[in-house]
């Protein structure tokens, strides 16, 4: 499957364009040499290539078009469409269907390996690899890079009040807002539970704070208007940036987490930048405080953040 991974990096439109040109060339060669070069093998090669890149139904449509060209070229050269030609076309369709199905399965498995099934964002393992990759690039070329750790405020109480299905809705909506409020070059993933990570290449601490505030206000405004979310959801964010002393992804995540814990400690619904010395007593700060008045039937905490 490693070969397939390399092939799948080629833009689809280039593959389709090349395949169409090859099929047209096959037809011209058939007409030029009066059918001497008329062979299903020549037509099959572009079909197989397309089947590796396009979706299953798209591959079948291309195969239908190829079959029509093959038949038309044969008739032009005086070649009758007999049983051997019919068997060739059936074989071509079978091969296309098998390759198309295999490639669809490969795409699905590849997606499952790197994506969180609930939110559609990158999962923790892939996110961590991207943090390592961007951190290494920042150190190597002397570039800026920041990490934003985001946590949904009072999410446990929200789950207890409205149920886990409604909690899943909140996670999906929050993921959508996070993804839609950053650049295409930024990397957003679900770190675990209600915590998300946003990798910001070429972004210093000040710029990252602007992004963090945009995410915070975006989630709050969207949840207030969304009919699918009960109450208003707020987030807290902690931000750390690449420094000469931050050599590992673990260290950068730890710093961003400490800033996130500090945001929780200060009252939630805010963005905090990491500073050295931060994080003392972080474990206690990170714990959700129990409600003083017992179980609640109203979304009091989620709406107040």
C-alpha atoms as a PDB file:
ATOM      1  CA  UNK A   1       0.000   0.000   0.000  1.00  0.00           C
ATOM      2  CA  UNK A   2       3.039   2.277   0.272  1.00  0.00           C
ATOM      3  CA  UNK A   3       3.163   2.543  -3.537  1.00  0.00           C
ATOM      4  CA  UNK A   4      -0.509   3.502  -3.543  1.00  0.00           C
ATOM      5  CA  UNK A   5       0.217   6.219  -0.987  1.00  0.00           C
ATOM      6  CA  UNK A   6       2.821   7.744  -3.306  1.00  0.00           C
ATOM      7  CA  UNK A   7       0.468   7.605  -6.279  1.00  0.00           C
ATOM      8  CA  UNK A   8      -2.377   9.208  -4.337  1.00  0.00           C
ATOM      9  CA  UNK A   9      -0.285  12.338  -3.755  1.00  0.00           C
ATOM     10  CA  UNK A  10      -0.470  13.181  -7.480  1.00  0.00           C
ATOM     11  CA  UNK A  11      -3.294  15.669  -8.227  1.00  0.00           C
ATOM     12  CA  UNK A  12      -6.353  13.897  -9.639  1.00  0.00           C
ATOM     13  CA  UNK A  13      -6.896  16.306 -12.509  1.00  0.00           C
ATOM     14  CA  UNK A  14      -3.410  15.576 -13.856  1.00  0.00           C
ATOM     15  CA  UNK A  15      -4.112  11.843 -13.873  1.00  0.00           C
ATOM     16  CA  UNK A  16      -7.467  12.274 -15.614  1.00  0.00           C
ATOM     17  CA  UNK A  17      -6.010  14.666 -18.209  1.00  0.00           C
ATOM     18  CA  UNK A  18      -3.137  12.312 -18.990  1.00  0.00           C
ATOM     19  CA  UNK A  19      -5.494   9.330 -19.198  1.00  0.00           C
ATOM     20  CA  UNK A  20      -7.809  11.126 -21.641  1.00  0.00           C
ATOM     21  CA  UNK A  21      -4.845  12.172 -23.816  1.00  0.00           C
ATOM     22  CA  UNK A  22      -3.524   8.598 -23.876  1.00  0.00           C
ATOM     23  CA  UNK A  23      -6.931   7.239 -24.913  1.00  0.00           C
ATOM     24  CA  UNK A  24      -7.194   9.791 -27.714  1.00  0.00           C
ATOM     25  CA  UNK A  25      -3.677   8.852 -28.802  1.00  0.00           C
ATOM     26  CA  UNK A  26      -4.725   5.195 -28.898  1.00  0.00           C
ATOM     27  CA  UNK A  27      -7.623   6.085 -31.191  1.00  0.00           C
ATOM     28  CA  UNK A  28      -5.372   8.127 -33.502  1.00  0.00           C
ATOM     29  CA  UNK A  29      -2.837   5.292 -33.691  1.00  0.00           C
ATOM     30  CA  UNK A  30      -5.624   2.834 -34.525  1.00  0.00           C
ATOM     31  CA  UNK A  31      -6.837   5.044 -37.346  1.00  0.00           C
ATOM     32  CA  UNK A  32      -3.328   5.846 -38.576  1.00  0.00           C
ATOM     33  CA  UNK A  33      -2.191   2.224 -38.792  1.00  0.00           C
ATOM     34  CA  UNK A  34      -5.557   0.733 -39.835  1.00  0.00           C
ATOM     35  CA  UNK A  35      -6.098  -1.251 -36.663  1.00  0.00           C
ATOM     36  CA  UNK A  36      -2.664  -2.842 -36.416  1.00  0.00           C
ATOM     37  CA  UNK A  37      -2.193  -1.320 -32.963  1.00  0.00           C
ATOM     38  CA  UNK A  38      -5.791  -1.994 -31.885  1.00  0.00           C
ATOM     39  CA  UNK A  39      -5.385  -3.703 -28.502  1.00  0.00           C
ATOM     40  CA  UNK A  40      -7.413  -3.692 -25.317  1.00  0.00           C
ATOM     41  CA  UNK A  41      -4.153  -3.612 -23.339  1.00  0.00           C
ATOM     42  CA  UNK A  42      -3.296  -0.137 -24.627  1.00  0.00           C
ATOM     43  CA  UNK A  43      -6.715   1.145 -23.575  1.00  0.00           C
ATOM     44  CA  UNK A  44      -6.587  -0.666 -20.231  1.00  0.00           C
ATOM     45  CA  UNK A  45      -3.494   1.089 -18.870  1.00  0.00           C
ATOM     46  CA  UNK A  46      -5.125   4.554 -18.501  1.00  0.00           C
ATOM     47  CA  UNK A  47      -8.266   2.933 -17.078  1.00  0.00           C
ATOM     48  CA  UNK A  48      -6.256   1.221 -14.352  1.00  0.00           C
ATOM     49  CA  UNK A  49      -4.443   4.469 -13.546  1.00  0.00           C
ATOM     50  CA  UNK A  50      -7.735   6.367 -13.265  1.00  0.00           C
ATOM     51  CA  UNK A  51      -9.235   3.643 -11.068  1.00  0.00           C
ATOM     52  CA  UNK A  52      -6.442   4.265  -8.548  1.00  0.00           C
ATOM     53  CA  UNK A  53      -7.237   7.962  -8.208  1.00  0.00           C
ATOM     54  CA  UNK A  54     -10.951   8.508  -8.792  1.00  0.00           C
ATOM     55  CA  UNK A  55     -13.920   7.314  -6.799  1.00  0.00           C
ATOM     56  CA  UNK A  56     -15.502   3.976  -7.720  1.00  0.00           C
ATOM     57  CA  UNK A  57     -18.397   5.383  -9.774  1.00  0.00           C
ATOM     58  CA  UNK A  58     -16.144   7.880 -11.551  1.00  0.00           C
ATOM     59  CA  UNK A  59     -13.798   5.052 -12.537  1.00  0.00           C
ATOM     60  CA  UNK A  60     -16.689   3.082 -14.022  1.00  0.00           C
ATOM     61  CA  UNK A  61     -17.814   6.088 -16.047  1.00  0.00           C
ATOM     62  CA  UNK A  62     -14.318   6.482 -17.453  1.00  0.00           C
ATOM     63  CA  UNK A  63     -14.298   2.773 -18.310  1.00  0.00           C
ATOM     64  CA  UNK A  64     -17.596   3.151 -20.178  1.00  0.00           C
ATOM     65  CA  UNK A  65     -16.138   6.007 -22.207  1.00  0.00           C
ATOM     66  CA  UNK A  66     -13.010   3.957 -22.919  1.00  0.00           C
ATOM     67  CA  UNK A  67     -15.117   1.018 -24.101  1.00  0.00           C
ATOM     68  CA  UNK A  68     -17.020   3.224 -26.532  1.00  0.00           C
ATOM     69  CA  UNK A  69     -13.756   4.590 -27.951  1.00  0.00           C
ATOM     70  CA  UNK A  70     -12.405   1.063 -28.272  1.00  0.00           C
ATOM     71  CA  UNK A  71     -15.480  -0.108 -30.171  1.00  0.00           C
ATOM     72  CA  UNK A  72     -15.604   2.987 -32.415  1.00  0.00           C
ATOM     73  CA  UNK A  73     -11.908   2.689 -33.274  1.00  0.00           C
ATOM     74  CA  UNK A  74     -12.420  -0.969 -34.163  1.00  0.00           C
ATOM     75  CA  UNK A  75     -15.360  -0.269 -36.442  1.00  0.00           C
ATOM     76  CA  UNK A  76     -13.424   2.511 -38.176  1.00  0.00           C
ATOM     77  CA  UNK A  77     -10.646   0.048 -38.964  1.00  0.00           C
ATOM     78  CA  UNK A  78     -13.055  -2.621 -40.158  1.00  0.00           C
ATOM     79  CA  UNK A  79     -12.646  -4.803 -37.078  1.00  0.00           C
ATOM     80  CA  UNK A  80     -15.917  -6.531 -36.205  1.00  0.00           C
ATOM     81  CA  UNK A  81     -17.028  -6.550 -32.589  1.00  0.00           C
ATOM     82  CA  UNK A  82     -17.007 -10.279 -31.847  1.00  0.00           C
ATOM     83  CA  UNK A  83     -16.745 -12.514 -28.791  1.00  0.00           C
ATOM     84  CA  UNK A  84     -13.029 -11.874 -28.118  1.00  0.00           C
ATOM     85  CA  UNK A  85     -13.595  -8.121 -28.033  1.00  0.00           C
ATOM     86  CA  UNK A  86     -16.611  -8.568 -25.740  1.00  0.00           C
ATOM     87  CA  UNK A  87     -14.549 -10.726 -23.373  1.00  0.00           C
ATOM     88  CA  UNK A  88     -11.814  -8.076 -23.377  1.00  0.00           C
ATOM     89  CA  UNK A  89     -14.280  -5.372 -22.353  1.00  0.00           C
ATOM     90  CA  UNK A  90     -15.822  -7.542 -19.637  1.00  0.00           C
ATOM     91  CA  UNK A  91     -12.335  -8.216 -18.296  1.00  0.00           C
ATOM     92  CA  UNK A  92     -11.606  -4.466 -18.362  1.00  0.00           C
ATOM     93  CA  UNK A  93     -14.728  -3.715 -16.322  1.00  0.00           C
ATOM     94  CA  UNK A  94     -13.939  -6.447 -13.794  1.00  0.00           C
ATOM     95  CA  UNK A  95     -10.392  -5.151 -13.300  1.00  0.00           C
ATOM     96  CA  UNK A  96     -11.675  -1.588 -12.922  1.00  0.00           C
ATOM     97  CA  UNK A  97     -14.254  -2.638 -10.342  1.00  0.00           C
ATOM     98  CA  UNK A  98     -11.706  -4.606  -8.305  1.00  0.00           C
ATOM     99  CA  UNK A  99      -9.111  -1.827  -8.304  1.00  0.00           C
ATOM    100  CA  UNK A 100     -11.747   0.816  -7.584  1.00  0.00           C
ATOM    101  CA  UNK A 101     -13.075  -1.124  -4.595  1.00  0.00           C
ATOM    102  CA  UNK A 102      -9.579  -1.764  -3.245  1.00  0.00           C
ATOM    103  CA  UNK A 103      -8.605   1.893  -3.546  1.00  0.00           C
ATOM    104  CA  UNK A 104     -11.835   3.037  -1.870  1.00  0.00           C
ATOM    105  CA  UNK A 105     -11.086   0.684   1.024  1.00  0.00           C
ATOM    106  CA  UNK A 106      -7.547   1.992   1.200  1.00  0.00           C
ATOM    107  CA  UNK A 107      -8.781   5.578   1.377  1.00  0.00           C
ATOM    108  CA  UNK A 108     -11.229   4.673   4.126  1.00  0.00           C
ATOM    109  CA  UNK A 109      -8.558   2.902   6.170  1.00  0.00           C
ATOM    110  CA  UNK A 110      -6.149   5.805   5.676  1.00  0.00           C
ATOM    111  CA  UNK A 111      -8.789   8.254   6.888  1.00  0.00           C
ATOM    112  CA  UNK A 112      -9.592   6.135   9.926  1.00  0.00           C
ATOM    113  CA  UNK A 113      -5.901   5.993  10.816  1.00  0.00           C
ATOM    114  CA  UNK A 114      -5.508   9.764  11.086  1.00  0.00           C
ATOM    115  CA  UNK A 115      -9.002  11.148  11.749  1.00  0.00           C
ATOM    116  CA  UNK A 116     -11.168  11.301  14.845  1.00  0.00           C
ATOM    117  CA  UNK A 117     -14.436   9.529  13.937  1.00  0.00           C
ATOM    118  CA  UNK A 118     -16.700  11.897  15.896  1.00  0.00           C
ATOM    119  CA  UNK A 119     -15.393  15.314  14.848  1.00  0.00           C
ATOM    120  CA  UNK A 120     -13.618  14.522  11.591  1.00  0.00           C
ATOM    121  CA  UNK A 121     -10.529  16.358  12.844  1.00  0.00           C
ATOM    122  CA  UNK A 122      -7.101  14.755  13.018  1.00  0.00           C
ATOM    123  CA  UNK A 123      -6.725  12.342  15.913  1.00  0.00           C
ATOM    124  CA  UNK A 124      -4.244  12.691  18.761  1.00  0.00           C
ATOM    125  CA  UNK A 125      -1.543  10.481  17.248  1.00  0.00           C
ATOM    126  CA  UNK A 126      -1.502  12.356  13.929  1.00  0.00           C
ATOM    127  CA  UNK A 127      -1.729  15.733  15.659  1.00  0.00           C
ATOM    128  CA  UNK A 128       1.282  14.901  17.816  1.00  0.00           C
ATOM    129  CA  UNK A 129       3.293  13.890  14.740  1.00  0.00           C
ATOM    130  CA  UNK A 130       2.456  17.224  13.123  1.00  0.00           C
ATOM    131  CA  UNK A 131       3.554  19.090  16.251  1.00  0.00           C
ATOM    132  CA  UNK A 132       6.879  17.250  16.112  1.00  0.00           C
ATOM    133  CA  UNK A 133       7.232  17.970  12.393  1.00  0.00           C
ATOM    134  CA  UNK A 134       6.475  21.697  12.661  1.00  0.00           C
ATOM    135  CA  UNK A 135       8.625  22.101  15.775  1.00  0.00           C
ATOM    136  CA  UNK A 136      11.565  20.480  14.020  1.00  0.00           C
ATOM    137  CA  UNK A 137      11.064  22.712  10.971  1.00  0.00           C
ATOM    138  CA  UNK A 138      10.852  25.826  13.155  1.00  0.00           C
ATOM    139  CA  UNK A 139      14.162  24.990  14.876  1.00  0.00           C
ATOM    140  CA  UNK A 140      15.905  24.006  11.660  1.00  0.00           C
ATOM    141  CA  UNK A 141      15.031  27.134   9.695  1.00  0.00           C
ATOM    142  CA  UNK A 142      14.626  29.590  12.545  1.00  0.00           C
ATOM    143  CA  UNK A 143      10.937  30.107  11.902  1.00  0.00           C
ATOM    144  CA  UNK A 144       8.080  30.910  14.279  1.00  0.00           C
ATOM    145  CA  UNK A 145       5.592  28.239  15.352  1.00  0.00           C
ATOM    146  CA  UNK A 146       2.941  28.166  18.060  1.00  0.00           C
ATOM    147  CA  UNK A 147       0.522  25.699  19.606  1.00  0.00           C
ATOM    148  CA  UNK A 148      -2.958  26.451  20.955  1.00  0.00           C
ATOM    149  CA  UNK A 149      -4.555  23.984  23.349  1.00  0.00           C
ATOM    150  CA  UNK A 150      -8.314  24.465  23.608  1.00  0.00           C
ATOM    151  CA  UNK A 151     -10.735  23.035  26.172  1.00  0.00           C
ATOM    152  CA  UNK A 152     -14.529  23.366  26.299  1.00  0.00           C
ATOM    153  CA  UNK A 153     -15.532  24.943  29.605  1.00  0.00           C
ATOM    154  CA  UNK A 154     -17.737  22.947  31.978  1.00  0.00           C
ATOM    155  CA  UNK A 155     -18.145  20.185  29.409  1.00  0.00           C
ATOM    156  CA  UNK A 156     -18.623  17.461  32.023  1.00  0.00           C
ATOM    157  CA  UNK A 157     -21.507  19.331  33.613  1.00  0.00           C
ATOM    158  CA  UNK A 158     -22.974  20.005  30.168  1.00  0.00           C
ATOM    159  CA  UNK A 159     -22.895  16.256  29.480  1.00  0.00           C
ATOM    160  CA  UNK A 160     -24.507  15.509  32.831  1.00  0.00           C
ATOM    161  CA  UNK A 161     -27.236  18.086  32.221  1.00  0.00           C
ATOM    162  CA  UNK A 162     -28.137  17.463  28.586  1.00  0.00           C
ATOM    163  CA  UNK A 163     -26.788  13.979  27.906  1.00  0.00           C
ATOM    164  CA  UNK A 164     -23.891  12.552  25.939  1.00  0.00           C
ATOM    165  CA  UNK A 165     -25.610  12.822  22.557  1.00  0.00           C
ATOM    166  CA  UNK A 166     -25.959  16.566  23.023  1.00  0.00           C
ATOM    167  CA  UNK A 167     -22.363  16.596  24.202  1.00  0.00           C
ATOM    168  CA  UNK A 168     -21.331  14.962  20.915  1.00  0.00           C
ATOM    169  CA  UNK A 169     -23.174  17.723  19.060  1.00  0.00           C
ATOM    170  CA  UNK A 170     -21.153  20.308  20.979  1.00  0.00           C
ATOM    171  CA  UNK A 171     -17.891  18.533  20.143  1.00  0.00           C
ATOM    172  CA  UNK A 172     -18.732  18.409  16.434  1.00  0.00           C
ATOM    173  CA  UNK A 173     -19.822  22.043  16.341  1.00  0.00           C
ATOM    174  CA  UNK A 174     -16.735  23.183  18.237  1.00  0.00           C
ATOM    175  CA  UNK A 175     -14.540  21.200  15.851  1.00  0.00           C
ATOM    176  CA  UNK A 176     -16.245  22.853  12.881  1.00  0.00           C
ATOM    177  CA  UNK A 177     -15.666  26.339  14.293  1.00  0.00           C
ATOM    178  CA  UNK A 178     -12.029  25.644  15.110  1.00  0.00           C
ATOM    179  CA  UNK A 179     -11.368  24.322  11.629  1.00  0.00           C
ATOM    180  CA  UNK A 180     -13.199  27.144   9.850  1.00  0.00           C
ATOM    181  CA  UNK A 181     -11.502  29.927  11.843  1.00  0.00           C
ATOM    182  CA  UNK A 182      -7.888  29.072  10.987  1.00  0.00           C
ATOM    183  CA  UNK A 183      -5.822  28.965   7.817  1.00  0.00           C
ATOM    184  CA  UNK A 184      -5.701  25.954   5.537  1.00  0.00           C
ATOM    185  CA  UNK A 185      -2.040  25.509   6.486  1.00  0.00           C
ATOM    186  CA  UNK A 186      -2.898  25.261  10.185  1.00  0.00           C
ATOM    187  CA  UNK A 187      -3.498  21.844  11.720  1.00  0.00           C
ATOM    188  CA  UNK A 188      -6.463  21.176  13.997  1.00  0.00           C
ATOM    189  CA  UNK A 189      -6.905  17.942  15.915  1.00  0.00           C
ATOM    190  CA  UNK A 190      -8.815  16.451  18.812  1.00  0.00           C
ATOM    191  CA  UNK A 191      -6.297  15.858  21.567  1.00  0.00           C
ATOM    192  CA  UNK A 192      -8.677  13.933  23.784  1.00  0.00           C
ATOM    193  CA  UNK A 193     -12.116  14.311  25.350  1.00  0.00           C
ATOM    194  CA  UNK A 194     -13.156  17.954  25.030  1.00  0.00           C
ATOM    195  CA  UNK A 195      -9.580  19.159  24.409  1.00  0.00           C
ATOM    196  CA  UNK A 196      -8.308  20.213  20.995  1.00  0.00           C
ATOM    197  CA  UNK A 197      -4.950  21.254  19.619  1.00  0.00           C
ATOM    198  CA  UNK A 198      -4.255  23.827  16.908  1.00  0.00           C
ATOM    199  CA  UNK A 199      -0.787  23.890  15.333  1.00  0.00           C
ATOM    200  CA  UNK A 200       0.102  27.294  13.873  1.00  0.00           C
ATOM    201  CA  UNK A 201       3.158  27.262  11.583  1.00  0.00           C
ATOM    202  CA  UNK A 202       4.860  30.601  10.862  1.00  0.00           C
ATOM    203  CA  UNK A 203       3.041  32.171  13.825  1.00  0.00           C
ATOM    204  CA  UNK A 204       4.628  33.958  16.772  1.00  0.00           C
ATOM    205  CA  UNK A 205       3.132  34.291  20.246  1.00  0.00           C
ATOM    206  CA  UNK A 206       1.382  37.597  19.574  1.00  0.00           C
ATOM    207  CA  UNK A 207      -0.162  36.360  16.354  1.00  0.00           C
ATOM    208  CA  UNK A 208      -1.194  33.130  18.060  1.00  0.00           C
ATOM    209  CA  UNK A 209      -3.021  35.117  20.722  1.00  0.00           C
ATOM    210  CA  UNK A 210      -5.072  36.822  18.018  1.00  0.00           C
ATOM    211  CA  UNK A 211      -5.968  33.401  16.626  1.00  0.00           C
ATOM    212  CA  UNK A 212      -6.854  32.130  20.092  1.00  0.00           C
ATOM    213  CA  UNK A 213      -9.191  35.057  20.712  1.00  0.00           C
ATOM    214  CA  UNK A 214     -10.794  34.522  17.316  1.00  0.00           C
ATOM    215  CA  UNK A 215     -11.435  30.892  18.181  1.00  0.00           C
ATOM    216  CA  UNK A 216     -12.825  31.779  21.610  1.00  0.00           C
ATOM    217  CA  UNK A 217     -15.265  34.381  20.313  1.00  0.00           C
ATOM    218  CA  UNK A 218     -16.150  32.222  17.312  1.00  0.00           C
ATOM    219  CA  UNK A 219     -17.214  29.263  19.430  1.00  0.00           C
ATOM    220  CA  UNK A 220     -19.221  31.460  21.799  1.00  0.00           C
ATOM    221  CA  UNK A 221     -21.035  33.345  19.043  1.00  0.00           C
ATOM    222  CA  UNK A 222     -21.747  30.218  17.011  1.00  0.00           C
ATOM    223  CA  UNK A 223     -23.119  28.251  19.953  1.00  0.00           C
ATOM    224  CA  UNK A 224     -25.382  31.158  20.939  1.00  0.00           C
ATOM    225  CA  UNK A 225     -26.938  31.172  17.460  1.00  0.00           C
ATOM    226  CA  UNK A 226     -26.927  27.417  16.794  1.00  0.00           C
ATOM    227  CA  UNK A 227     -30.294  25.678  17.125  1.00  0.00           C
ATOM    228  CA  UNK A 228     -28.570  22.359  17.740  1.00  0.00           C
ATOM    229  CA  UNK A 229     -26.763  23.532  20.891  1.00  0.00           C
ATOM    230  CA  UNK A 230     -28.618  24.129  24.142  1.00  0.00           C
ATOM    231  CA  UNK A 231     -27.162  27.086  25.977  1.00  0.00           C
ATOM    232  CA  UNK A 232     -23.957  28.934  25.107  1.00  0.00           C
ATOM    233  CA  UNK A 233     -20.630  27.143  24.982  1.00  0.00           C
ATOM    234  CA  UNK A 234     -17.352  28.804  25.908  1.00  0.00           C
ATOM    235  CA  UNK A 235     -13.769  27.655  25.568  1.00  0.00           C
ATOM    236  CA  UNK A 236     -10.495  28.351  27.340  1.00  0.00           C
ATOM    237  CA  UNK A 237      -7.196  28.360  25.461  1.00  0.00           C
ATOM    238  CA  UNK A 238      -3.550  28.099  26.398  1.00  0.00           C
ATOM    239  CA  UNK A 239      -0.809  29.108  23.982  1.00  0.00           C
ATOM    240  CA  UNK A 240       2.872  28.233  23.835  1.00  0.00           C
ATOM    241  CA  UNK A 241       5.403  29.065  21.157  1.00  0.00           C
ATOM    242  CA  UNK A 242       8.611  27.514  19.884  1.00  0.00           C
ATOM    243  CA  UNK A 243      11.673  28.795  21.749  1.00  0.00           C
ATOM    244  CA  UNK A 244      15.321  27.681  21.708  1.00  0.00           C
ATOM    245  CA  UNK A 245      14.667  25.770  24.910  1.00  0.00           C
ATOM    246  CA  UNK A 246      11.576  23.976  23.593  1.00  0.00           C
ATOM    247  CA  UNK A 247      13.176  21.011  21.861  1.00  0.00           C
ATOM    248  CA  UNK A 248      10.436  18.393  22.015  1.00  0.00           C
ATOM    249  CA  UNK A 249       6.753  18.181  21.169  1.00  0.00           C
ATOM    250  CA  UNK A 250       6.067  16.923  24.688  1.00  0.00           C
ATOM    251  CA  UNK A 251       7.597  20.080  26.160  1.00  0.00           C
ATOM    252  CA  UNK A 252       5.565  22.370  23.880  1.00  0.00           C
ATOM    253  CA  UNK A 253       2.318  20.548  24.671  1.00  0.00           C
ATOM    254  CA  UNK A 254       3.102  20.704  28.375  1.00  0.00           C
ATOM    255  CA  UNK A 255       3.654  24.462  28.198  1.00  0.00           C
ATOM    256  CA  UNK A 256       0.417  25.045  26.284  1.00  0.00           C
ATOM    257  CA  UNK A 257      -1.423  22.831  28.766  1.00  0.00           C
ATOM    258  CA  UNK A 258      -0.038  24.810  31.693  1.00  0.00           C
ATOM    259  CA  UNK A 259      -1.287  28.012  30.073  1.00  0.00           C
ATOM    260  CA  UNK A 260      -4.663  26.326  29.553  1.00  0.00           C
ATOM    261  CA  UNK A 261      -4.822  25.320  33.222  1.00  0.00           C
ATOM    262  CA  UNK A 262      -4.058  28.909  34.140  1.00  0.00           C
ATOM    263  CA  UNK A 263      -6.940  30.095  31.944  1.00  0.00           C
ATOM    264  CA  UNK A 264      -9.217  27.709  33.838  1.00  0.00           C
ATOM    265  CA  UNK A 265      -7.876  28.968  37.149  1.00  0.00           C
ATOM    266  CA  UNK A 266      -8.550  32.596  36.206  1.00  0.00           C
ATOM    267  CA  UNK A 267     -12.218  31.890  35.544  1.00  0.00           C
ATOM    268  CA  UNK A 268     -12.351  30.229  32.105  1.00  0.00           C
ATOM    269  CA  UNK A 269     -13.542  31.692  28.788  1.00  0.00           C
ATOM    270  CA  UNK A 270     -10.202  33.366  28.118  1.00  0.00           C
ATOM    271  CA  UNK A 271      -6.869  32.969  26.366  1.00  0.00           C
ATOM    272  CA  UNK A 272      -3.617  32.733  28.334  1.00  0.00           C
ATOM    273  CA  UNK A 273      -0.047  32.807  27.025  1.00  0.00           C
ATOM    274  CA  UNK A 274       2.565  30.542  28.572  1.00  0.00           C
ATOM    275  CA  UNK A 275       5.242  32.198  30.687  1.00  0.00           C
ATOM    276  CA  UNK A 276       8.149  30.457  32.465  1.00  0.00           C
ATOM    277  CA  UNK A 277       7.261  29.299  35.947  1.00  0.00           C
ATOM    278  CA  UNK A 278       3.649  28.761  35.061  1.00  0.00           C
ATOM    279  CA  UNK A 279       2.094  25.407  35.903  1.00  0.00           C
ATOM    280  CA  UNK A 280       2.748  25.029  39.614  1.00  0.00           C
ATOM    281  CA  UNK A 281      -0.280  23.228  40.976  1.00  0.00           C
ATOM    282  CA  UNK A 282      -1.572  22.638  37.439  1.00  0.00           C
ATOM    283  CA  UNK A 283      -2.989  19.267  38.319  1.00  0.00           C
ATOM    284  CA  UNK A 284      -5.280  20.804  40.906  1.00  0.00           C
ATOM    285  CA  UNK A 285      -6.250  23.678  38.658  1.00  0.00           C
ATOM    286  CA  UNK A 286      -7.194  21.318  35.819  1.00  0.00           C
ATOM    287  CA  UNK A 287      -9.729  19.450  37.910  1.00  0.00           C
ATOM    288  CA  UNK A 288     -13.352  20.499  37.507  1.00  0.00           C
ATOM    289  CA  UNK A 289     -14.690  22.065  40.701  1.00  0.00           C
ATOM    290  CA  UNK A 290     -17.834  20.366  42.099  1.00  0.00           C
ATOM    291  CA  UNK A 291     -21.078  22.290  42.055  1.00  0.00           C
ATOM    292  CA  UNK A 292     -21.878  23.853  45.431  1.00  0.00           C
ATOM    293  CA  UNK A 293     -25.653  23.647  45.099  1.00  0.00           C
ATOM    294  CA  UNK A 294     -25.922  20.023  44.000  1.00  0.00           C
ATOM    295  CA  UNK A 295     -27.209  18.688  40.662  1.00  0.00           C
ATOM    296  CA  UNK A 296     -28.531  21.391  38.346  1.00  0.00           C
ATOM    297  CA  UNK A 297     -31.256  21.140  35.734  1.00  0.00           C
ATOM    298  CA  UNK A 298     -30.315  24.387  33.995  1.00  0.00           C
ATOM    299  CA  UNK A 299     -27.297  25.168  31.808  1.00  0.00           C
ATOM    300  CA  UNK A 300     -26.052  27.748  34.314  1.00  0.00           C
ATOM    301  CA  UNK A 301     -22.338  27.023  34.103  1.00  0.00           C
ATOM    302  CA  UNK A 302     -22.163  26.441  30.345  1.00  0.00           C
ATOM    303  CA  UNK A 303     -23.856  29.762  29.677  1.00  0.00           C
ATOM    304  CA  UNK A 304     -21.666  31.704  32.025  1.00  0.00           C
ATOM    305  CA  UNK A 305     -18.384  30.034  30.977  1.00  0.00           C
END
